[in-house]
């Protein structure tokens, strides 16, 4: 598994989001930006991202992920800081 493959899995599952994926082996840092996260609690946001990786987590090809989620407005505000 590589970062490009992880990003593609995420995009296939949440096509309206932008993803930045870093890492290798089975450990990845994922930043997800999308309107789909509007009004959701942090746990639900992470569940959406984990949903795309469920099979990979189950088979061990992805072991550890660090997920950060942003709405487009949050991402813009964070980028200005």
N, C-alpha and C. Protein backbone atom coordinates (compact mmCIF):
# COMPACT_ATOMS: atom_id res chain seq x y z
N UNK A 1 0.85 -1.17 0.00
CA UNK A 1 0.00 0.00 0.00
C UNK A 1 0.90 1.24 0.00
N UNK A 2 0.49 2.25 -0.77
CA UNK A 2 1.22 3.51 -0.76
C UNK A 2 0.24 4.66 -0.64
N UNK A 3 0.75 5.88 -0.44
CA UNK A 3 -0.09 7.05 -0.21
C UNK A 3 -1.02 7.33 -1.39
N UNK A 4 -0.56 7.09 -2.61
CA UNK A 4 -1.39 7.33 -3.79
C UNK A 4 -2.59 6.39 -3.78
N UNK A 5 -2.38 5.14 -3.43
CA UNK A 5 -3.46 4.16 -3.37
C UNK A 5 -4.45 4.51 -2.27
N UNK A 6 -3.95 4.92 -1.12
CA UNK A 6 -4.83 5.32 -0.02
C UNK A 6 -5.67 6.52 -0.45
N UNK A 7 -5.04 7.52 -1.08
CA UNK A 7 -5.78 8.69 -1.54
C UNK A 7 -6.87 8.29 -2.53
N UNK A 8 -6.57 7.37 -3.44
CA UNK A 8 -7.56 6.93 -4.41
C UNK A 8 -8.74 6.22 -3.75
N UNK A 9 -8.46 5.39 -2.76
CA UNK A 9 -9.53 4.73 -2.01
C UNK A 9 -10.44 5.75 -1.34
N UNK A 10 -9.83 6.76 -0.76
CA UNK A 10 -10.60 7.81 -0.09
C UNK A 10 -11.44 8.59 -1.10
N UNK A 11 -10.86 8.94 -2.23
CA UNK A 11 -11.59 9.70 -3.24
C UNK A 11 -12.72 8.88 -3.85
N UNK A 12 -12.53 7.58 -3.99
CA UNK A 12 -13.60 6.72 -4.50
C UNK A 12 -14.79 6.68 -3.53
N UNK A 13 -14.50 6.77 -2.24
CA UNK A 13 -15.53 6.68 -1.21
C UNK A 13 -16.19 8.04 -0.93
N UNK A 14 -15.39 9.09 -0.93
CA UNK A 14 -15.88 10.45 -0.65
C UNK A 14 -15.43 11.36 -1.79
N UNK A 15 -16.11 11.25 -2.91
CA UNK A 15 -15.68 11.92 -4.14
C UNK A 15 -15.72 13.44 -4.08
N UNK A 16 -16.52 14.00 -3.17
CA UNK A 16 -16.62 15.45 -3.08
C UNK A 16 -15.59 16.07 -2.13
N UNK A 17 -14.62 15.29 -1.70
CA UNK A 17 -13.60 15.77 -0.78
C UNK A 17 -12.24 15.86 -1.46
N UNK A 18 -11.41 16.69 -0.89
CA UNK A 18 -10.00 16.78 -1.29
C UNK A 18 -9.19 16.08 -0.20
N UNK A 19 -8.23 15.28 -0.61
CA UNK A 19 -7.42 14.55 0.36
C UNK A 19 -5.93 14.81 0.16
N UNK A 20 -5.25 14.94 1.27
CA UNK A 20 -3.79 15.01 1.29
C UNK A 20 -3.34 13.82 2.15
N UNK A 21 -2.55 12.94 1.56
CA UNK A 21 -2.14 11.72 2.26
C UNK A 21 -0.62 11.64 2.26
N UNK A 22 -0.07 11.41 3.43
CA UNK A 22 1.37 11.20 3.56
C UNK A 22 1.58 9.94 4.37
N UNK A 23 2.68 9.29 4.10
CA UNK A 23 3.03 8.09 4.85
C UNK A 23 3.47 6.99 3.92
N UNK A 24 3.77 5.85 4.52
CA UNK A 24 4.20 4.69 3.75
C UNK A 24 4.00 3.45 4.58
N UNK A 25 4.16 2.31 3.95
CA UNK A 25 3.95 1.05 4.66
C UNK A 25 2.50 0.93 5.05
N UNK A 26 2.24 0.95 6.34
CA UNK A 26 0.85 0.86 6.79
C UNK A 26 0.47 1.96 7.77
N UNK A 27 1.24 3.08 7.77
CA UNK A 27 0.97 4.23 8.63
C UNK A 27 0.79 5.47 7.76
N UNK A 28 -0.34 6.19 7.96
CA UNK A 28 -0.64 7.32 7.09
C UNK A 28 -1.22 8.49 7.87
N UNK A 29 -0.88 9.69 7.41
CA UNK A 29 -1.48 10.93 7.88
C UNK A 29 -2.42 11.40 6.78
N UNK A 30 -3.68 11.60 7.13
CA UNK A 30 -4.70 11.96 6.16
C UNK A 30 -5.33 13.29 6.56
N UNK A 31 -5.35 14.21 5.61
CA UNK A 31 -6.09 15.45 5.77
C UNK A 31 -7.22 15.42 4.75
N UNK A 32 -8.44 15.59 5.23
CA UNK A 32 -9.61 15.55 4.37
C UNK A 32 -10.34 16.89 4.45
N UNK A 33 -10.67 17.45 3.28
CA UNK A 33 -11.36 18.72 3.22
C UNK A 33 -12.63 18.53 2.39
N UNK A 34 -13.78 18.86 2.98
CA UNK A 34 -15.01 18.72 2.23
C UNK A 34 -16.22 19.26 2.96
N UNK A 35 -17.21 19.71 2.20
CA UNK A 35 -18.45 20.21 2.77
C UNK A 35 -19.22 19.11 3.50
N UNK A 36 -18.93 17.87 3.18
CA UNK A 36 -19.60 16.74 3.83
C UNK A 36 -19.40 16.75 5.34
N UNK A 37 -18.36 17.42 5.82
CA UNK A 37 -18.05 17.46 7.25
C UNK A 37 -18.81 18.56 8.00
N UNK A 38 -19.54 19.41 7.28
CA UNK A 38 -20.30 20.50 7.90
C UNK A 38 -21.26 19.95 8.95
N UNK A 39 -21.19 20.50 10.15
CA UNK A 39 -22.15 20.18 11.20
C UNK A 39 -21.99 18.81 11.86
N UNK A 40 -20.97 18.06 11.48
CA UNK A 40 -20.77 16.74 12.07
C UNK A 40 -19.85 16.81 13.28
N UNK A 41 -20.09 15.90 14.20
CA UNK A 41 -19.20 15.76 15.37
C UNK A 41 -17.89 15.12 14.91
N UNK A 42 -16.80 15.38 15.63
CA UNK A 42 -15.50 14.84 15.22
C UNK A 42 -15.50 13.33 15.01
N UNK A 43 -16.18 12.58 15.86
CA UNK A 43 -16.20 11.12 15.71
C UNK A 43 -16.85 10.72 14.39
N UNK A 44 -17.94 11.38 14.03
CA UNK A 44 -18.63 11.05 12.78
C UNK A 44 -17.77 11.39 11.57
N UNK A 45 -17.03 12.49 11.65
CA UNK A 45 -16.12 12.86 10.57
C UNK A 45 -15.08 11.76 10.35
N UNK A 46 -14.50 11.28 11.44
CA UNK A 46 -13.51 10.22 11.31
C UNK A 46 -14.13 8.92 10.82
N UNK A 47 -15.35 8.64 11.22
CA UNK A 47 -16.02 7.43 10.75
C UNK A 47 -16.20 7.45 9.23
N UNK A 48 -16.49 8.61 8.68
CA UNK A 48 -16.63 8.73 7.23
C UNK A 48 -15.32 8.36 6.53
N UNK A 49 -14.22 8.84 7.07
CA UNK A 49 -12.92 8.56 6.46
C UNK A 49 -12.54 7.09 6.68
N UNK A 50 -12.73 6.60 7.89
CA UNK A 50 -12.43 5.19 8.17
C UNK A 50 -13.25 4.25 7.29
N UNK A 51 -14.47 4.65 6.95
CA UNK A 51 -15.33 3.82 6.12
C UNK A 51 -14.70 3.46 4.78
N UNK A 52 -13.92 4.35 4.25
CA UNK A 52 -13.24 4.10 2.97
C UNK A 52 -12.09 3.13 3.12
N UNK A 53 -11.58 2.99 4.33
CA UNK A 53 -10.38 2.18 4.56
C UNK A 53 -10.68 0.88 5.31
N UNK A 54 -11.94 0.59 5.54
CA UNK A 54 -12.32 -0.56 6.36
C UNK A 54 -11.66 -1.87 5.96
N UNK A 55 -11.70 -2.21 4.68
CA UNK A 55 -11.11 -3.47 4.22
C UNK A 55 -9.60 -3.47 4.41
N UNK A 56 -8.98 -2.32 4.15
CA UNK A 56 -7.51 -2.23 4.29
C UNK A 56 -7.08 -2.33 5.75
N UNK A 57 -7.89 -1.79 6.64
CA UNK A 57 -7.60 -1.91 8.06
C UNK A 57 -7.79 -3.35 8.51
N UNK A 58 -8.85 -3.98 8.03
CA UNK A 58 -9.14 -5.37 8.40
C UNK A 58 -8.04 -6.32 7.95
N UNK A 59 -7.49 -6.10 6.74
CA UNK A 59 -6.46 -7.02 6.25
C UNK A 59 -5.04 -6.61 6.66
N UNK A 60 -4.91 -5.49 7.39
CA UNK A 60 -3.62 -5.08 7.91
C UNK A 60 -2.78 -4.24 6.97
N UNK A 61 -3.25 -3.99 5.74
CA UNK A 61 -2.45 -3.18 4.82
C UNK A 61 -2.41 -1.72 5.26
N UNK A 62 -3.39 -1.30 6.07
CA UNK A 62 -3.35 -0.01 6.75
C UNK A 62 -3.51 -0.31 8.23
N UNK A 63 -2.55 0.14 9.01
CA UNK A 63 -2.57 -0.17 10.44
C UNK A 63 -2.87 1.07 11.28
N UNK A 64 -2.20 2.15 10.99
CA UNK A 64 -2.35 3.36 11.79
C UNK A 64 -2.63 4.55 10.88
N UNK A 65 -3.64 5.33 11.26
CA UNK A 65 -3.95 6.54 10.52
C UNK A 65 -4.15 7.69 11.49
N UNK A 66 -3.69 8.84 11.08
CA UNK A 66 -3.93 10.09 11.79
C UNK A 66 -4.80 10.91 10.86
N UNK A 67 -6.04 11.20 11.28
CA UNK A 67 -7.00 11.87 10.41
C UNK A 67 -7.29 13.26 10.94
N UNK A 68 -7.19 14.23 10.02
CA UNK A 68 -7.61 15.60 10.31
C UNK A 68 -8.66 15.95 9.26
N UNK A 69 -9.81 16.45 9.71
CA UNK A 69 -10.88 16.79 8.79
C UNK A 69 -11.20 18.28 8.89
N UNK A 70 -11.56 18.87 7.76
CA UNK A 70 -11.88 20.28 7.69
C UNK A 70 -13.03 20.51 6.71
N UNK A 71 -13.87 21.47 7.02
CA UNK A 71 -14.79 21.97 6.01
C UNK A 71 -13.96 22.91 5.13
N UNK A 72 -14.45 23.27 3.96
CA UNK A 72 -13.68 24.22 3.14
C UNK A 72 -13.38 25.53 3.87
N UNK A 73 -14.35 26.05 4.63
CA UNK A 73 -14.12 27.30 5.37
C UNK A 73 -13.06 27.11 6.46
N UNK A 74 -13.11 25.99 7.16
CA UNK A 74 -12.11 25.71 8.20
C UNK A 74 -10.72 25.59 7.57
N UNK A 75 -10.65 24.95 6.41
CA UNK A 75 -9.37 24.77 5.73
C UNK A 75 -8.79 26.12 5.32
N UNK A 76 -9.65 27.00 4.78
CA UNK A 76 -9.18 28.33 4.38
C UNK A 76 -8.69 29.10 5.60
N UNK A 77 -9.44 29.06 6.68
CA UNK A 77 -9.04 29.77 7.89
C UNK A 77 -7.75 29.21 8.46
N UNK A 78 -7.59 27.89 8.44
CA UNK A 78 -6.39 27.24 8.96
C UNK A 78 -5.19 27.57 8.08
N UNK A 79 -5.41 27.68 6.80
CA UNK A 79 -4.32 27.96 5.87
C UNK A 79 -3.79 29.37 6.02
N UNK A 80 -4.63 30.28 6.50
CA UNK A 80 -4.21 31.68 6.70
C UNK A 80 -3.39 31.86 7.96
N UNK A 81 -3.54 30.95 8.90
CA UNK A 81 -2.82 31.09 10.20
C UNK A 81 -1.34 30.89 10.07
